Amino acid sequence: MSFPESVITSMEITTAGRAHDGHCRKSHRLEKGMRRLTIKRGGEEHHYCLVCARVFLAEGVARLQGLLAEIDGLTGR
């Protein structure tokens, strides 16, 4: 039985090469040269402004911490 390499998808902070709307909210415009979060899924790149990225990354961390706590409770750790 093999273990997955990571439950975290491929993501990194990149710089916008051109102006475009963010993936999450079209009102969050990413101007050329702005920093953004790029997530790669299914061969496609999705770009998010840092405001939106911070919100859903924090929610993801909290969810992972909850799952870890549940596993610790079930395994006696």
PDB file of N, CA and C in Angstrom:
ATOM      1  N   MET A   1       0.848  -1.177   0.000  1.00  0.00           N
ATOM      2  CA  MET A   1       0.000   0.000   0.000  1.00  0.00           C
ATOM      3  C   MET A   1       0.894   1.240   0.000  1.00  0.00           C
ATOM      4  N   SER A   2       0.635   2.133  -0.912  1.00  0.00           N
ATOM      5  CA  SER A   2       1.450   3.347  -0.987  1.00  0.00           C
ATOM      6  C   SER A   2       0.725   4.519  -0.345  1.00  0.00           C
ATOM      7  N   PHE A   3       1.484   5.485   0.091  1.00  0.00           N
ATOM      8  CA  PHE A   3       0.934   6.686   0.691  1.00  0.00           C
ATOM      9  C   PHE A   3       0.946   7.819  -0.322  1.00  0.00           C
ATOM     10  N   PRO A   4      -0.055   8.682  -0.279  1.00  0.00           N
ATOM     11  CA  PRO A   4      -0.010   9.837  -1.181  1.00  0.00           C
ATOM     12  C   PRO A   4       1.149  10.746  -0.804  1.00  0.00           C
ATOM     13  N   GLU A   5       1.738  11.380  -1.795  1.00  0.00           N
ATOM     14  CA  GLU A   5       2.866  12.272  -1.522  1.00  0.00           C
ATOM     15  C   GLU A   5       2.434  13.448  -0.661  1.00  0.00           C
ATOM     16  N   SER A   6       1.260  14.007  -0.951  1.00  0.00           N
ATOM     17  CA  SER A   6       0.774  15.156  -0.196  1.00  0.00           C
ATOM     18  C   SER A   6      -0.714  15.337  -0.443  1.00  0.00           C
ATOM     19  N   VAL A   7      -1.404  15.854   0.552  1.00  0.00           N
ATOM     20  CA  VAL A   7      -2.809  16.213   0.358  1.00  0.00           C
ATOM     21  C   VAL A   7      -2.918  17.660  -0.099  1.00  0.00           C
ATOM     22  N   ILE A   8      -1.786  18.344  -0.130  1.00  0.00           N
ATOM     23  CA  ILE A   8      -1.755  19.741  -0.546  1.00  0.00           C
ATOM     24  C   ILE A   8      -1.514  19.803  -2.043  1.00  0.00           C
ATOM     25  N   THR A   9      -2.352  20.531  -2.738  1.00  0.00           N
ATOM     26  CA  THR A   9      -2.215  20.682  -4.180  1.00  0.00           C
ATOM     27  C   THR A   9      -1.043  21.598  -4.513  1.00  0.00           C
ATOM     28  N   SER A  10      -0.619  21.598  -5.742  1.00  0.00           N
ATOM     29  CA  SER A  10       0.497  22.435  -6.173  1.00  0.00           C
ATOM     30  C   SER A  10       0.080  23.907  -6.163  1.00  0.00           C
ATOM     31  N   MET A  11       0.794  24.705  -5.385  1.00  0.00           N
ATOM     32  CA  MET A  11       0.486  26.137  -5.327  1.00  0.00           C
ATOM     33  C   MET A  11       1.738  26.918  -5.004  1.00  0.00           C
ATOM     34  N   GLU A  12       1.764  28.163  -5.486  1.00  0.00           N
ATOM     35  CA  GLU A  12       2.904  29.039  -5.226  1.00  0.00           C
ATOM     36  C   GLU A  12       2.473  30.491  -5.426  1.00  0.00           C
ATOM     37  N   ILE A  13       3.268  31.396  -4.854  1.00  0.00           N
ATOM     38  CA  ILE A  13       3.051  32.824  -5.054  1.00  0.00           C
ATOM     39  C   ILE A  13       3.776  33.198  -6.345  1.00  0.00           C
ATOM     40  N   THR A  14       3.044  33.810  -7.283  1.00  0.00           N
ATOM     41  CA  THR A  14       3.612  34.214  -8.567  1.00  0.00           C
ATOM     42  C   THR A  14       3.315  35.690  -8.804  1.00  0.00           C
ATOM     43  N   THR A  15       3.820  36.205  -9.899  1.00  0.00           N
ATOM     44  CA  THR A  15       3.601  37.594 -10.284  1.00  0.00           C
ATOM     45  C   THR A  15       2.792  37.628 -11.575  1.00  0.00           C
ATOM     46  N   ALA A  16       1.757  38.449 -11.587  1.00  0.00           N
ATOM     47  CA  ALA A  16       0.909  38.551 -12.778  1.00  0.00           C
ATOM     48  C   ALA A  16       1.701  39.168 -13.925  1.00  0.00           C
ATOM     49  N   GLY A  17       1.689  38.512 -15.078  1.00  0.00           N
ATOM     50  CA  GLY A  17       2.382  39.014 -16.253  1.00  0.00           C
ATOM     51  C   GLY A  17       1.544  40.000 -17.046  1.00  0.00           C
ATOM     52  N   ARG A  18       0.248  39.976 -16.770  1.00  0.00           N
ATOM     53  CA  ARG A  18      -0.690  40.899 -17.419  1.00  0.00           C
ATOM     54  C   ARG A  18      -1.848  41.131 -16.464  1.00  0.00           C
ATOM     55  N   ALA A  19      -2.630  42.152 -16.718  1.00  0.00           N
ATOM     56  CA  ALA A  19      -3.792  42.439 -15.884  1.00  0.00           C
ATOM     57  C   ALA A  19      -4.911  41.448 -16.222  1.00  0.00           C
ATOM     58  N   HIS A  20      -5.595  40.972 -15.188  1.00  0.00           N
ATOM     59  CA  HIS A  20      -6.734  40.070 -15.387  1.00  0.00           C
ATOM     60  C   HIS A  20      -7.546  39.998 -14.104  1.00  0.00           C
ATOM     61  N   ASP A  21      -8.753  39.461 -14.216  1.00  0.00           N
ATOM     62  CA  ASP A  21      -9.604  39.290 -13.045  1.00  0.00           C
ATOM     63  C   ASP A  21      -9.142  38.071 -12.257  1.00  0.00           C
ATOM     64  N   GLY A  22      -9.344  38.120 -10.943  1.00  0.00           N
ATOM     65  CA  GLY A  22      -9.028  36.977 -10.104  1.00  0.00           C
ATOM     66  C   GLY A  22     -10.012  35.848 -10.349  1.00  0.00           C
ATOM     67  N   HIS A  23      -9.633  34.634 -10.005  1.00  0.00           N
ATOM     68  CA  HIS A  23     -10.474  33.468 -10.246  1.00  0.00           C
ATOM     69  C   HIS A  23     -11.663  33.423  -9.295  1.00  0.00           C
ATOM     70  N   CYS A  24     -11.472  33.879  -8.073  1.00  0.00           N
ATOM     71  CA  CYS A  24     -12.516  33.789  -7.046  1.00  0.00           C
ATOM     72  C   CYS A  24     -13.559  34.898  -7.197  1.00  0.00           C
ATOM     73  N   ARG A  25     -13.093  36.119  -7.274  1.00  0.00           N
ATOM     74  CA  ARG A  25     -13.992  37.270  -7.407  1.00  0.00           C
ATOM     75  C   ARG A  25     -13.520  38.130  -8.569  1.00  0.00           C
ATOM     76  N   LYS A  26     -14.394  38.304  -9.523  1.00  0.00           N
ATOM     77  CA  LYS A  26     -14.034  39.093 -10.709  1.00  0.00           C
ATOM     78  C   LYS A  26     -13.760  40.551 -10.342  1.00  0.00           C
ATOM     79  N   SER A  27     -14.319  41.014  -9.215  1.00  0.00           N
ATOM     80  CA  SER A  27     -14.098  42.395  -8.784  1.00  0.00           C
ATOM     81  C   SER A  27     -12.695  42.601  -8.208  1.00  0.00           C
ATOM     82  N   HIS A  28     -11.994  41.512  -7.887  1.00  0.00           N
ATOM     83  CA  HIS A  28     -10.631  41.611  -7.382  1.00  0.00           C
ATOM     84  C   HIS A  28      -9.679  41.535  -8.572  1.00  0.00           C
ATOM     85  N   ARG A  29      -9.396  42.680  -9.132  1.00  0.00           N
ATOM     86  CA  ARG A  29      -8.566  42.779 -10.335  1.00  0.00           C
ATOM     87  C   ARG A  29      -7.100  42.599  -9.981  1.00  0.00           C
ATOM     88  N   LEU A  30      -6.424  41.769 -10.736  1.00  0.00           N
ATOM     89  CA  LEU A  30      -4.988  41.566 -10.580  1.00  0.00           C
ATOM     90  C   LEU A  30      -4.291  42.351 -11.686  1.00  0.00           C
ATOM     91  N   GLU A  31      -3.557  43.371 -11.297  1.00  0.00           N
ATOM     92  CA  GLU A  31      -2.844  44.193 -12.269  1.00  0.00           C
ATOM     93  C   GLU A  31      -1.477  43.587 -12.560  1.00  0.00           C
ATOM     94  N   LYS A  32      -0.927  43.913 -13.703  1.00  0.00           N
ATOM     95  CA  LYS A  32       0.388  43.421 -14.082  1.00  0.00           C
ATOM     96  C   LYS A  32       1.391  43.767 -12.988  1.00  0.00           C
ATOM     97  N   GLY A  33       2.202  42.775 -12.600  1.00  0.00           N
ATOM     98  CA  GLY A  33       3.217  42.973 -11.578  1.00  0.00           C
ATOM     99  C   GLY A  33       2.754  42.673 -10.162  1.00  0.00           C
ATOM    100  N   MET A  34       1.442  42.509  -9.950  1.00  0.00           N
ATOM    101  CA  MET A  34       0.933  42.190  -8.615  1.00  0.00           C
ATOM    102  C   MET A  34       1.264  40.744  -8.261  1.00  0.00           C
ATOM    103  N   ARG A  35       1.478  40.490  -6.984  1.00  0.00           N
ATOM    104  CA  ARG A  35       1.690  39.134  -6.493  1.00  0.00           C
ATOM    105  C   ARG A  35       0.325  38.467  -6.345  1.00  0.00           C
ATOM    106  N   ARG A  36       0.291  37.159  -6.570  1.00  0.00           N
ATOM    107  CA  ARG A  36      -0.961  36.402  -6.522  1.00  0.00           C
ATOM    108  C   ARG A  36      -0.637  34.964  -6.131  1.00  0.00           C
ATOM    109  N   LEU A  37      -1.666  34.215  -5.731  1.00  0.00           N
ATOM    110  CA  LEU A  37      -1.507  32.792  -5.468  1.00  0.00           C
ATOM    111  C   LEU A  37      -1.929  32.034  -6.721  1.00  0.00           C
ATOM    112  N   THR A  38      -1.058  31.153  -7.194  1.00  0.00           N
ATOM    113  CA  THR A  38      -1.363  30.315  -8.346  1.00  0.00           C
ATOM    114  C   THR A  38      -1.516  28.886  -7.867  1.00  0.00           C
ATOM    115  N   ILE A  39      -2.661  28.290  -8.193  1.00  0.00           N
ATOM    116  CA  ILE A  39      -2.934  26.898  -7.846  1.00  0.00           C
ATOM    117  C   ILE A  39      -3.087  26.118  -9.135  1.00  0.00           C
ATOM    118  N   LYS A  40      -2.382  25.003  -9.220  1.00  0.00           N
ATOM    119  CA  LYS A  40      -2.461  24.145 -10.408  1.00  0.00           C
ATOM    120  C   LYS A  40      -3.368  22.964 -10.092  1.00  0.00           C
ATOM    121  N   ARG A  41      -4.419  22.810 -10.908  1.00  0.00           N
ATOM    122  CA  ARG A  41      -5.365  21.701 -10.763  1.00  0.00           C
ATOM    123  C   ARG A  41      -5.708  21.161 -12.140  1.00  0.00           C
ATOM    124  N   GLY A  42      -5.554  19.879 -12.310  1.00  0.00           N
ATOM    125  CA  GLY A  42      -5.934  19.253 -13.567  1.00  0.00           C
ATOM    126  C   GLY A  42      -5.269  19.858 -14.785  1.00  0.00           C
ATOM    127  N   GLY A  43      -4.022  20.264 -14.642  1.00  0.00           N
ATOM    128  CA  GLY A  43      -3.294  20.849 -15.763  1.00  0.00           C
ATOM    129  C   GLY A  43      -3.606  22.311 -16.029  1.00  0.00           C
ATOM    130  N   GLU A  44      -4.482  22.903 -15.237  1.00  0.00           N
ATOM    131  CA  GLU A  44      -4.829  24.317 -15.403  1.00  0.00           C
ATOM    132  C   GLU A  44      -4.313  25.123 -14.219  1.00  0.00           C
ATOM    133  N   GLU A  45      -4.000  26.379 -14.478  1.00  0.00           N
ATOM    134  CA  GLU A  45      -3.587  27.292 -13.414  1.00  0.00           C
ATOM    135  C   GLU A  45      -4.733  28.238 -13.089  1.00  0.00           C
ATOM    136  N   HIS A  46      -4.994  28.409 -11.796  1.00  0.00           N
ATOM    137  CA  HIS A  46      -6.011  29.343 -11.319  1.00  0.00           C
ATOM    138  C   HIS A  46      -5.307  30.373 -10.454  1.00  0.00           C
ATOM    139  N   HIS A  47      -5.620  31.651 -10.691  1.00  0.00           N
ATOM    140  CA  HIS A  47      -4.931  32.740 -10.000  1.00  0.00           C
ATOM    141  C   HIS A  47      -5.897  33.461  -9.062  1.00  0.00           C
ATOM    142  N   TYR A  48      -5.434  33.693  -7.836  1.00  0.00           N
ATOM    143  CA  TYR A  48      -6.244  34.321  -6.803  1.00  0.00           C
ATOM    144  C   TYR A  48      -5.503  35.525  -6.218  1.00  0.00           C
ATOM    145  N   CYS A  49      -6.252  36.575  -5.923  1.00  0.00           N
ATOM    146  CA  CYS A  49      -5.639  37.712  -5.232  1.00  0.00           C
ATOM    147  C   CYS A  49      -5.234  37.247  -3.835  1.00  0.00           C
ATOM    148  N   LEU A  50      -4.304  37.935  -3.222  1.00  0.00           N
ATOM    149  CA  LEU A  50      -3.794  37.513  -1.926  1.00  0.00           C
ATOM    150  C   LEU A  50      -4.827  37.641  -0.816  1.00  0.00           C
ATOM    151  N   VAL A  51      -5.784  38.556  -0.962  1.00  0.00           N
ATOM    152  CA  VAL A  51      -6.848  38.707   0.043  1.00  0.00           C
ATOM    153  C   VAL A  51      -7.705  37.439   0.076  1.00  0.00           C
ATOM    154  N   CYS A  52      -8.178  36.983  -1.091  1.00  0.00           N
ATOM    155  CA  CYS A  52      -8.990  35.766  -1.164  1.00  0.00           C
ATOM    156  C   CYS A  52      -8.163  34.546  -0.766  1.00  0.00           C
ATOM    157  N   ALA A  53      -6.914  34.505  -1.229  1.00  0.00           N
ATOM    158  CA  ALA A  53      -6.052  33.365  -0.937  1.00  0.00           C
ATOM    159  C   ALA A  53      -5.855  33.199   0.563  1.00  0.00           C
ATOM    160  N   ARG A  54      -5.644  34.299   1.261  1.00  0.00           N
ATOM    161  CA  ARG A  54      -5.430  34.217   2.706  1.00  0.00           C
ATOM    162  C   ARG A  54      -6.644  33.634   3.414  1.00  0.00           C
ATOM    163  N   VAL A  55      -7.839  34.039   2.983  1.00  0.00           N
ATOM    164  CA  VAL A  55      -9.070  33.550   3.609  1.00  0.00           C
ATOM    165  C   VAL A  55      -9.199  32.043   3.423  1.00  0.00           C
ATOM    166  N   PHE A  56      -9.102  31.550   2.189  1.00  0.00           N
ATOM    167  CA  PHE A  56      -9.344  30.123   2.018  1.00  0.00           C
ATOM    168  C   PHE A  56      -8.170  29.263   2.457  1.00  0.00           C
ATOM    169  N   LEU A  57      -6.953  29.799   2.474  1.00  0.00           N
ATOM    170  CA  LEU A  57      -5.841  29.033   3.033  1.00  0.00           C
ATOM    171  C   LEU A  57      -5.987  28.889   4.551  1.00  0.00           C
ATOM    172  N   ALA A  58      -6.394  29.961   5.232  1.00  0.00           N
ATOM    173  CA  ALA A  58      -6.614  29.899   6.682  1.00  0.00           C
ATOM    174  C   ALA A  58      -7.726  28.905   7.014  1.00  0.00           C
ATOM    175  N   GLU A  59      -8.797  28.897   6.224  1.00  0.00           N
ATOM    176  CA  GLU A  59      -9.884  27.946   6.431  1.00  0.00           C
ATOM    177  C   GLU A  59      -9.389  26.515   6.206  1.00  0.00           C
ATOM    178  N   GLY A  60      -8.546  26.314   5.206  1.00  0.00           N
ATOM    179  CA  GLY A  60      -7.997  24.984   4.935  1.00  0.00           C
ATOM    180  C   GLY A  60      -7.098  24.491   6.056  1.00  0.00           C
ATOM    181  N   VAL A  61      -6.279  25.380   6.594  1.00  0.00           N
ATOM    182  CA  VAL A  61      -5.406  25.021   7.716  1.00  0.00           C
ATOM    183  C   VAL A  61      -6.254  24.618   8.916  1.00  0.00           C
ATOM    184  N   ALA A  62      -7.305  25.380   9.199  1.00  0.00           N
ATOM    185  CA  ALA A  62      -8.183  25.063  10.328  1.00  0.00           C
ATOM    186  C   ALA A  62      -8.852  23.702  10.126  1.00  0.00           C
ATOM    187  N   ARG A  63      -9.268  23.424   8.910  1.00  0.00           N
ATOM    188  CA  ARG A  63      -9.904  22.138   8.617  1.00  0.00           C
ATOM    189  C   ARG A  63      -8.912  20.991   8.806  1.00  0.00           C
ATOM    190  N   LEU A  64      -7.673  21.163   8.323  1.00  0.00           N
ATOM    191  CA  LEU A  64      -6.649  20.137   8.513  1.00  0.00           C
ATOM    192  C   LEU A  64      -6.327  19.932   9.990  1.00  0.00           C
ATOM    193  N   GLN A  65      -6.258  21.018  10.752  1.00  0.00           N
ATOM    194  CA  GLN A  65      -5.991  20.894  12.186  1.00  0.00           C
ATOM    195  C   GLN A  65      -7.119  20.137  12.884  1.00  0.00           C
ATOM    196  N   GLY A  66      -8.361  20.385  12.461  1.00  0.00           N
ATOM    197  CA  GLY A  66      -9.498  19.662  13.024  1.00  0.00           C
ATOM    198  C   GLY A  66      -9.429  18.175  12.723  1.00  0.00           C
ATOM    199  N   LEU A  67      -9.061  17.835  11.498  1.00  0.00           N
ATOM    200  CA  LEU A  67      -8.927  16.425  11.134  1.00  0.00           C
ATOM    201  C   LEU A  67      -7.793  15.752  11.912  1.00  0.00           C
ATOM    202  N   LEU A  68      -6.675  16.469  12.076  1.00  0.00           N
ATOM    203  CA  LEU A  68      -5.572  15.922  12.867  1.00  0.00           C
ATOM    204  C   LEU A  68      -5.995  15.681  14.317  1.00  0.00           C
ATOM    205  N   ALA A  69      -6.731  16.617  14.884  1.00  0.00           N
ATOM    206  CA  ALA A  69      -7.207  16.460  16.261  1.00  0.00           C
ATOM    207  C   ALA A  69      -8.149  15.266  16.370  1.00  0.00           C
ATOM    208  N   GLU A  70      -9.003  15.083  15.374  1.00  0.00           N
ATOM    209  CA  GLU A  70      -9.921  13.939  15.378  1.00  0.00           C
ATOM    210  C   GLU A  70      -9.145  12.627  15.297  1.00  0.00           C
ATOM    211  N   ILE A  71      -8.140  12.583  14.409  1.00  0.00           N
ATOM    212  CA  ILE A  71      -7.316  11.375  14.296  1.00  0.00           C
ATOM    213  C   ILE A  71      -6.567  11.109  15.588  1.00  0.00           C
ATOM    214  N   ASP A  72      -6.012  12.161  16.198  1.00  0.00           N
ATOM    215  CA  ASP A  72      -5.314  12.001  17.471  1.00  0.00           C
ATOM    216  C   ASP A  72      -6.253  11.432  18.535  1.00  0.00           C
ATOM    217  N   GLY A  73      -7.499  11.899  18.558  1.00  0.00           N
ATOM    218  CA  GLY A  73      -8.476  11.382  19.521  1.00  0.00           C
ATOM    219  C   GLY A  73      -8.807   9.921  19.278  1.00  0.00           C
ATOM    220  N   LEU A  74      -8.857   9.526  18.041  1.00  0.00           N
ATOM    221  CA  LEU A  74      -9.186   8.140  17.701  1.00  0.00           C
ATOM    222  C   LEU A  74      -8.014   7.188  17.901  1.00  0.00           C
ATOM    223  N   THR A  75      -6.794   7.714  17.795  1.00  0.00           N
ATOM    224  CA  THR A  75      -5.608   6.851  17.946  1.00  0.00           C
ATOM    225  C   THR A  75      -4.967   6.972  19.320  1.00  0.00           C
ATOM    226  N   GLY A  76      -5.506   7.851  20.164  1.00  0.00           N
ATOM    227  CA  GLY A  76      -4.974   8.004  21.516  1.00  0.00           C
ATOM    228  C   GLY A  76      -3.688   8.800  21.601  1.00  0.00           C
ATOM    229  N   ARG A  77      -3.444   9.630  20.624  1.00  0.00           N
ATOM    230  CA  ARG A  77      -2.217  10.444  20.637  1.00  0.00           C
ATOM    231  C   ARG A  77      -2.460  11.764  21.321  1.00  0.00           C
TER     232      ARG A  77
END
